[in-house]
């Protein structure tokens, strides 16, 4: 895990400051705030507001998700 953190820091110039509850992967918020993710989304013409609305709708639709 420490090795992965170093790779992320080397690739982005920023350390991972918080992670999911299992401490293995970044949260969706962290991913969507990442400049590389934003650039890929722009290139793929993904509107972050529409994606956020879709995820919020899915979250409300699944009763066991907090």
Protein backbone atom coordinates (compact mmCIF):
# COMPACT_ATOMS: atom_id res chain seq x y z
CA UNK A 1 0.00 0.00 0.00
CA UNK A 2 2.77 2.42 0.86
CA UNK A 3 4.31 1.74 -2.55
CA UNK A 4 1.00 2.63 -4.24
CA UNK A 5 0.81 5.89 -2.30
CA UNK A 6 4.33 6.78 -3.42
CA UNK A 7 3.41 6.03 -7.04
CA UNK A 8 0.31 8.22 -6.82
CA UNK A 9 2.32 11.02 -5.25
CA UNK A 10 5.01 10.69 -7.93
CA UNK A 11 2.44 10.66 -10.74
CA UNK A 12 0.26 13.51 -9.49
CA UNK A 13 2.57 15.48 -7.24
CA UNK A 14 0.01 15.10 -4.47
CA UNK A 15 -0.27 12.48 -1.73
CA UNK A 16 -3.52 10.65 -1.12
CA UNK A 17 -4.84 12.35 2.00
CA UNK A 18 -7.85 10.15 2.74
CA UNK A 19 -9.07 6.86 1.39
CA UNK A 20 -12.06 4.62 1.48
CA UNK A 21 -12.99 2.69 4.60
CA UNK A 22 -10.82 -0.24 3.55
CA UNK A 23 -7.85 2.07 3.00
CA UNK A 24 -7.22 0.55 -0.43
CA UNK A 25 -8.70 2.89 -2.99
CA UNK A 26 -9.56 6.58 -3.23
CA UNK A 27 -13.17 7.60 -2.72
CA UNK A 28 -15.30 8.73 -5.67
CA UNK A 29 -14.97 12.30 -4.43
CA UNK A 30 -11.19 12.01 -4.49
CA UNK A 31 -11.27 10.49 -7.97
CA UNK A 32 -13.54 13.18 -9.35
CA UNK A 33 -11.40 15.92 -7.79
CA UNK A 34 -8.25 14.47 -9.37
CA UNK A 35 -6.92 16.61 -12.26
CA UNK A 36 -6.11 13.55 -14.37
CA UNK A 37 -9.64 12.16 -13.94
CA UNK A 38 -11.08 15.57 -14.83
CA UNK A 39 -8.95 15.72 -17.99
CA UNK A 40 -10.07 12.24 -19.05
CA UNK A 41 -13.69 13.12 -18.37
CA UNK A 42 -13.34 16.29 -20.46
CA UNK A 43 -11.74 14.35 -23.31
CA UNK A 44 -14.58 11.82 -23.17
CA UNK A 45 -17.14 14.64 -22.97
CA UNK A 46 -18.44 13.49 -19.60
CA UNK A 47 -20.25 16.31 -17.81
CA UNK A 48 -19.36 16.02 -14.13
CA UNK A 49 -22.68 17.58 -13.10
CA UNK A 50 -24.66 14.99 -15.08
CA UNK A 51 -22.52 12.18 -13.69
CA UNK A 52 -23.01 13.49 -10.16
CA UNK A 53 -26.79 13.65 -10.69
CA UNK A 54 -26.80 10.09 -12.04
CA UNK A 55 -24.80 8.82 -9.06
CA UNK A 56 -27.07 10.65 -6.60
CA UNK A 57 -30.14 9.11 -8.28
CA UNK A 58 -28.57 5.64 -8.12
CA UNK A 59 -27.70 6.16 -4.47
CA UNK A 60 -31.30 7.07 -3.63
CA UNK A 61 -32.62 4.13 -5.68
CA UNK A 62 -30.61 1.47 -3.86
CA UNK A 63 -31.99 1.10 -0.33
CA UNK A 64 -28.91 -0.43 1.28
CA UNK A 65 -26.43 2.25 0.18
CA UNK A 66 -25.67 5.09 2.61
